[in-house]
N, C-alpha and C. Protein backbone atom coordinates (compact mmCIF):
# COMPACT_ATOMS: atom_id res chain seq x y z
N MET A 1 -0.81 3.64 15.69
CA MET A 1 -0.99 3.19 14.52
C MET A 1 0.70 2.69 14.36
N PRO A 2 1.20 1.75 14.21
CA PRO A 2 2.58 2.51 13.87
C PRO A 2 2.91 2.21 12.52
N ALA A 3 3.87 3.12 11.56
CA ALA A 3 4.10 3.41 9.87
C ALA A 3 4.28 1.72 9.95
N THR A 4 3.46 1.80 8.23
CA THR A 4 3.93 1.02 7.76
C THR A 4 5.47 0.47 6.63
N LYS A 5 5.76 0.04 6.09
CA LYS A 5 6.32 -0.25 5.39
C LYS A 5 6.31 -0.94 3.66
N PRO A 6 5.32 -0.10 3.10
CA PRO A 6 5.24 -0.77 1.95
C PRO A 6 5.88 -1.30 1.21
N LYS A 7 5.25 -2.73 0.49
CA LYS A 7 6.07 -3.61 -0.16
C LYS A 7 5.32 -4.55 -1.60
N ILE A 8 6.09 -3.60 -2.34
CA ILE A 8 4.88 -4.70 -3.71
C ILE A 8 5.12 -6.59 -3.89
N ARG A 9 3.67 -6.77 -3.88
CA ARG A 9 4.10 -8.15 -3.38
C ARG A 9 5.17 -8.77 -5.17
N ASP A 10 5.52 -10.14 -4.03
CA ASP A 10 5.76 -10.42 -5.07
C ASP A 10 5.63 -11.56 -6.32
N ASP A 11 4.55 -11.41 -6.81
CA ASP A 11 4.25 -12.62 -7.53
C ASP A 11 3.72 -10.95 -9.07
N VAL A 12 3.67 -9.97 -8.31
CA VAL A 12 3.62 -9.01 -9.42
C VAL A 12 5.00 -8.66 -10.09
N THR A 13 4.56 -8.12 -11.83
CA THR A 13 5.70 -8.19 -12.57
C THR A 13 5.38 -6.72 -12.99
N LEU A 14 6.20 -6.00 -12.88
CA LEU A 14 6.96 -4.35 -12.78
C LEU A 14 7.51 -4.85 -14.86
N LEU A 15 7.06 -4.43 -15.62
CA LEU A 15 8.43 -3.65 -16.33
C LEU A 15 7.94 -2.80 -16.66
N GLU A 16 9.49 -1.95 -16.21
CA GLU A 16 10.19 -0.45 -17.27
C GLU A 16 9.95 -0.04 -18.06
N ILE A 17 9.01 0.66 -19.00
CA ILE A 17 9.38 1.39 -20.55
C ILE A 17 9.82 3.01 -20.10
N GLY A 18 11.17 3.02 -20.65
CA GLY A 18 11.01 3.79 -20.15
C GLY A 18 11.35 4.74 -18.81
N GLU A 19 10.78 5.84 -18.17
CA GLU A 19 10.33 6.53 -16.98
C GLU A 19 9.45 5.64 -16.39
N GLU A 20 8.45 5.03 -17.44
CA GLU A 20 7.23 4.50 -16.73
C GLU A 20 6.90 3.44 -16.85
N ALA A 21 6.32 2.35 -16.81
CA ALA A 21 6.01 1.63 -16.30
C ALA A 21 4.90 0.48 -16.39
N VAL A 22 4.91 -0.92 -16.73
CA VAL A 22 3.54 -1.85 -16.92
C VAL A 22 3.51 -2.70 -15.60
N VAL A 23 2.24 -3.05 -14.84
CA VAL A 23 2.35 -3.76 -13.40
C VAL A 23 1.66 -4.91 -13.78
N TYR A 24 1.40 -5.96 -13.68
CA TYR A 24 0.95 -6.84 -13.99
C TYR A 24 0.42 -7.92 -12.67
N ASP A 25 -0.86 -7.66 -11.92
CA ASP A 25 -1.37 -9.01 -11.29
C ASP A 25 -1.65 -10.00 -11.37
N PRO A 26 -0.73 -10.98 -11.17
CA PRO A 26 -1.95 -12.33 -11.34
C PRO A 26 -3.14 -12.44 -11.09
N LEU A 27 -3.34 -12.31 -9.79
CA LEU A 27 -4.44 -12.67 -9.22
C LEU A 27 -5.74 -12.03 -9.39
N SER A 28 -5.58 -10.38 -10.03
CA SER A 28 -6.73 -9.90 -10.25
C SER A 28 -6.54 -9.84 -12.14
N ARG A 29 -5.53 -10.59 -12.51
CA ARG A 29 -5.29 -10.60 -13.82
C ARG A 29 -5.81 -9.15 -14.52
N LEU A 30 -5.51 -8.61 -13.47
CA LEU A 30 -5.23 -6.75 -14.59
C LEU A 30 -3.72 -6.16 -14.72
N VAL A 31 -3.99 -4.95 -15.46
CA VAL A 31 -2.77 -4.35 -16.20
C VAL A 31 -2.52 -3.17 -15.65
N HIS A 32 -1.81 -2.18 -14.91
CA HIS A 32 -1.85 -1.09 -14.44
C HIS A 32 -0.79 -0.36 -14.97
N TYR A 33 -0.82 0.81 -15.80
CA TYR A 33 0.21 1.28 -16.37
C TYR A 33 0.45 2.41 -15.25
N MET A 34 1.77 2.97 -15.29
CA MET A 34 2.49 4.07 -14.48
C MET A 34 2.92 5.22 -15.04
N ASN A 35 2.32 6.35 -14.37
CA ASN A 35 3.33 7.55 -14.94
C ASN A 35 4.21 7.52 -14.22
N PRO A 36 5.86 8.40 -14.51
CA PRO A 36 6.84 8.03 -14.25
C PRO A 36 7.03 8.29 -12.72
N MET A 37 6.15 9.03 -11.86
CA MET A 37 5.80 9.48 -10.78
C MET A 37 5.48 7.84 -9.80
N ALA A 38 4.30 7.55 -10.11
CA ALA A 38 4.04 6.69 -10.07
C ALA A 38 5.16 5.65 -10.15
N SER A 39 5.50 5.02 -10.77
CA SER A 39 6.45 4.35 -11.29
C SER A 39 8.13 3.85 -10.25
N LEU A 40 7.94 5.61 -10.27
CA LEU A 40 8.91 5.49 -8.86
C LEU A 40 8.89 5.18 -7.84
N VAL A 41 8.00 5.94 -7.77
CA VAL A 41 7.38 5.44 -6.20
C VAL A 41 7.02 3.53 -6.25
N LEU A 42 6.68 3.12 -6.75
CA LEU A 42 6.41 1.81 -7.11
C LEU A 42 7.31 1.00 -6.09
N GLN A 43 8.56 1.47 -6.99
CA GLN A 43 10.02 0.87 -6.77
C GLN A 43 10.52 1.34 -5.78
N LEU A 44 10.47 1.53 -5.05
CA LEU A 44 10.60 2.49 -3.79
C LEU A 44 9.76 1.74 -3.12
N CYS A 45 8.51 0.73 -2.96
CA CYS A 45 7.97 0.23 -2.45
C CYS A 45 8.68 -1.29 -2.14
N ASP A 46 9.93 -0.85 -1.53
CA ASP A 46 10.54 -2.61 -1.46
C ASP A 46 10.58 -3.20 -0.08
N GLY A 47 9.41 -2.38 1.03
CA GLY A 47 9.58 -2.69 1.87
C GLY A 47 10.35 -2.53 3.15
N THR A 48 11.43 -1.84 3.00
CA THR A 48 12.42 -0.88 3.51
C THR A 48 12.21 0.25 4.20
N ALA A 49 11.33 0.91 3.97
CA ALA A 49 11.15 2.48 4.39
C ALA A 49 9.13 2.22 4.14
N THR A 50 9.35 3.40 4.94
CA THR A 50 7.76 3.29 5.51
C THR A 50 7.40 5.17 4.33
N VAL A 51 6.26 5.02 4.93
CA VAL A 51 6.04 6.22 3.48
C VAL A 51 6.67 7.68 3.35
N ARG A 52 6.57 7.78 4.80
CA ARG A 52 7.48 9.12 5.51
C ARG A 52 8.68 8.96 5.09
N GLU A 53 9.68 8.28 5.03
CA GLU A 53 10.44 8.36 4.40
C GLU A 53 10.71 8.13 3.01
N THR A 54 10.19 7.94 2.62
CA THR A 54 10.10 7.56 1.20
C THR A 54 10.00 9.24 0.29
N ILE A 55 8.82 9.84 1.55
CA ILE A 55 8.20 11.20 0.96
C ILE A 55 9.89 11.89 1.09
N ALA A 56 10.35 11.95 2.31
CA ALA A 56 11.97 12.70 2.16
C ALA A 56 13.19 11.61 1.47
N GLU A 57 12.86 10.65 1.04
CA GLU A 57 13.97 10.12 -0.33
C GLU A 57 14.09 11.19 -1.23
N LEU A 58 12.47 11.36 -1.55
CA LEU A 58 11.70 11.60 -3.06
C LEU A 58 12.30 13.72 -3.27
N ALA A 59 12.06 13.81 -1.93
CA ALA A 59 11.75 15.43 -2.05
C ALA A 59 13.61 15.53 -2.53
N GLU A 60 14.25 14.89 -1.49
CA GLU A 60 15.55 15.26 -1.68
C GLU A 60 16.35 14.77 -3.25
N ALA A 61 15.21 14.08 -3.59
CA ALA A 61 16.23 13.43 -5.18
C ALA A 61 15.85 14.64 -6.11
N GLN A 62 14.71 15.41 -5.49
CA GLN A 62 14.02 16.19 -6.36
C GLN A 62 13.94 17.76 -6.15
N GLU A 63 15.19 17.69 -5.08
CA GLU A 63 15.39 19.16 -3.95
C GLU A 63 13.66 19.66 -4.32
N VAL A 64 13.00 19.23 -3.41
CA VAL A 64 11.85 20.34 -3.61
C VAL A 64 11.49 19.74 -1.93
N GLU A 65 10.40 20.70 -1.21
CA GLU A 65 9.99 20.53 0.33
C GLU A 65 9.37 18.75 0.24
N PRO A 66 9.48 18.36 1.38
CA PRO A 66 8.63 17.13 1.30
C PRO A 66 7.42 17.22 1.32
N ALA A 67 6.88 18.29 1.63
CA ALA A 67 5.29 18.93 1.74
C ALA A 67 4.60 18.98 0.07
N ALA A 68 5.75 19.55 -0.73
CA ALA A 68 5.03 19.31 -2.09
C ALA A 68 4.87 18.51 -2.76
N ILE A 69 5.48 17.39 -2.32
CA ILE A 69 4.50 15.85 -2.87
C ILE A 69 4.00 15.03 -2.06
N THR A 70 3.95 15.32 -0.49
CA THR A 70 3.73 14.27 0.30
C THR A 70 1.65 13.94 -0.30
N PRO A 71 1.13 14.91 -0.32
CA PRO A 71 -0.15 13.99 -1.07
C PRO A 71 -0.34 13.72 -1.85
N GLN A 72 0.40 13.48 -3.06
CA GLN A 72 0.37 13.07 -3.84
C GLN A 72 1.52 11.89 -4.34
N VAL A 73 2.14 11.24 -3.12
CA VAL A 73 2.81 9.49 -2.43
C VAL A 73 2.10 9.25 -2.30
N ARG A 74 1.62 10.67 -0.84
CA ARG A 74 0.77 9.39 -0.22
C ARG A 74 -1.08 8.62 -0.58
N SER A 75 -1.57 9.48 -1.87
CA SER A 75 -2.76 9.16 -2.85
C SER A 75 -1.80 8.14 -3.02
N LEU A 76 -0.66 7.92 -3.87
CA LEU A 76 -0.45 6.84 -5.18
C LEU A 76 -0.40 5.29 -3.76
N VAL A 77 0.65 5.33 -2.64
CA VAL A 77 0.88 3.98 -2.13
C VAL A 77 -1.23 4.17 -1.79
N ARG A 78 -1.95 4.97 -1.23
CA ARG A 78 -3.20 4.06 -0.95
C ARG A 78 -3.85 3.56 -1.92
N ARG A 79 -3.53 4.52 -2.94
CA ARG A 79 -3.82 3.23 -4.58
C ARG A 79 -3.29 2.32 -4.88
N PHE A 80 -2.17 1.60 -4.56
CA PHE A 80 -1.23 0.34 -4.77
C PHE A 80 -1.58 -0.25 -3.83
N ARG A 81 -2.17 -0.11 -2.24
CA ARG A 81 -2.53 -0.59 -1.39
C ARG A 81 -4.62 -0.85 -1.91
N GLU A 82 -5.17 -0.47 -2.31
CA GLU A 82 -6.26 -0.43 -2.92
C GLU A 82 -6.37 -1.50 -3.97
N PHE A 83 -5.34 -1.35 -4.96
CA PHE A 83 -5.42 -3.04 -5.72
C PHE A 83 -5.04 -3.41 -5.89
N GLY A 84 -4.42 -4.04 -4.10
CA GLY A 84 -3.96 -4.72 -3.90
C GLY A 84 -2.57 -5.13 -4.32
N ILE A 85 -1.62 -4.12 -5.63
CA ILE A 85 -0.46 -4.74 -5.63
C ILE A 85 0.75 -4.71 -4.99
N VAL A 86 0.67 -3.75 -3.68
CA VAL A 86 1.16 -3.40 -2.08
C VAL A 86 0.96 -3.53 -1.33
N ALA A 87 2.00 -4.60 -0.40
CA ALA A 87 1.23 -5.29 1.10
C ALA A 87 1.96 -4.21 1.97
N PRO A 88 1.01 -3.96 2.79
CA PRO A 88 1.55 -3.81 4.40
C PRO A 88 2.71 -4.67 5.09
N SER A 89 3.82 -3.98 5.79
CA SER A 89 4.36 -4.63 6.37
C SER A 89 3.99 -5.57 6.96
N ARG A 90 4.83 -6.95 7.89
CA ARG A 90 4.35 -8.31 8.46
C ARG A 90 4.04 -7.22 10.14
N GLY A 91 4.21 -6.33 9.96
CA GLY A 91 3.37 -5.93 11.89
C GLY A 91 2.55 -4.95 11.07
N ALA A 92 2.14 -4.86 10.57
CA ALA A 92 0.09 -3.93 10.40
C ALA A 92 -0.34 -5.06 9.64
N GLU A 93 0.08 -6.45 8.77
CA GLU A 93 -0.71 -7.42 8.16
C GLU A 93 -1.04 -7.58 10.33
N ARG A 94 -0.54 -8.42 11.01
CA ARG A 94 -0.62 -8.42 12.05
C ARG A 94 -1.79 -7.65 12.45
N LEU A 95 -1.89 -6.72 12.73
CA LEU A 95 -2.53 -5.44 13.51
C LEU A 95 -3.64 -5.58 12.63
N PHE A 96 -3.60 -6.00 11.32
CA PHE A 96 -5.38 -5.72 10.45
C PHE A 96 -5.89 -7.41 10.29
N ALA A 97 -5.18 -8.58 10.93
CA ALA A 97 -5.64 -9.52 10.82
C ALA A 97 -5.99 -10.08 12.78
N LEU A 98 -5.85 -9.30 13.70
CA LEU A 98 -6.09 -8.81 14.82
C LEU A 98 -7.40 -8.54 14.86
N SER A 99 -7.22 -6.76 13.93
CA SER A 99 -8.85 -6.37 13.88
C SER A 99 -9.70 -7.14 13.07
N ASP A 100 -9.39 -7.74 12.04
CA ASP A 100 -10.52 -8.90 11.43
C ASP A 100 -11.15 -9.87 12.55
N SER A 101 -9.91 -9.63 13.52
CA SER A 101 -10.50 -11.24 13.84
C SER A 101 -11.90 -10.61 15.51
N ALA A 102 -11.36 -9.42 15.44
CA ALA A 102 -12.22 -8.53 16.33
C ALA A 102 -13.52 -8.60 15.82
N ALA A 103 -13.43 -8.01 14.87
CA ALA A 103 -15.11 -7.72 13.82
C ALA A 103 -15.41 -8.98 13.93
N ASP A 104 -14.82 -10.21 13.26
CA ASP A 104 -15.28 -11.64 13.48
C ASP A 104 -16.15 -12.11 15.23
N ASP A 105 -15.02 -11.51 16.04
CA ASP A 105 -15.74 -12.10 17.34
C ASP A 105 -17.57 -11.01 17.38
N ARG A 106 -17.17 -9.88 17.09
CA ARG A 106 -18.52 -9.21 17.26
C ARG A 106 -19.74 -9.74 16.36
N ALA A 107 -19.48 -10.32 15.34
CA ALA A 107 -20.24 -10.63 14.92
C ALA A 107 -21.04 -11.62 15.61
N LYS A 108 -20.49 -12.76 15.99
CA LYS A 108 -20.45 -13.83 16.69
C LYS A 108 -20.84 -13.77 18.06
N ILE A 109 -20.93 -12.93 18.33
CA ILE A 109 -21.35 -12.23 19.55
C ILE A 109 -23.20 -12.07 19.11
N ARG A 110 -22.95 -11.46 18.02
CA ARG A 110 -24.30 -10.94 17.92
C ARG A 110 -25.13 -11.93 17.34
N ARG A 111 -24.88 -12.97 16.98
CA ARG A 111 -25.57 -14.34 16.20
C ARG A 111 -26.03 -14.92 17.35
N GLU A 112 -25.45 -14.66 18.32
CA GLU A 112 -25.53 -15.45 19.91
C GLU A 112 -26.45 -14.81 20.63
N VAL A 113 -26.47 -13.64 21.07
CA VAL A 113 -27.36 -12.86 21.98
C VAL A 113 -28.68 -12.50 21.04
N PRO A 114 -29.79 -13.67 22.04
CA PRO A 114 -30.85 -12.75 21.39
C PRO A 114 -31.23 -10.87 21.64
N ARG A 115 -31.71 -10.60 20.23
CA ARG A 115 -31.93 -9.29 20.75
C ARG A 115 -33.33 -9.20 21.39
N SER A 116 -33.49 -8.17 22.35
CA SER A 116 -34.01 -7.55 23.15
C SER A 116 -35.51 -6.96 21.85
N GLU A 117 -36.84 -7.28 22.35
CA GLU A 117 -37.45 -6.56 21.74
C GLU A 117 -38.49 -5.60 21.93
């Protein structure tokens, strides 16, 4: 599966407060409070870099090895996706759509094919 380039949804509001941030999602009507690291990672989710590239950029800026921050950054991006405030790239969305389509086809086949008893 190709690497995705996470991007914050266009309708999500990000308000920076010092190094931290508050994010408002109008779809879920939830407010998310971000610590400095989460705020920085979310701001880097602009659709131009993969998660791996973002980790490399952050590691260089913080003068640490990428392995030192990889789990935290990946976890943050995963949580952003779970909350729906970050969407994957168009290529990944097409793959997800194909995957959903295949699942729908399997469900249709299960309904149409009689079960043997």
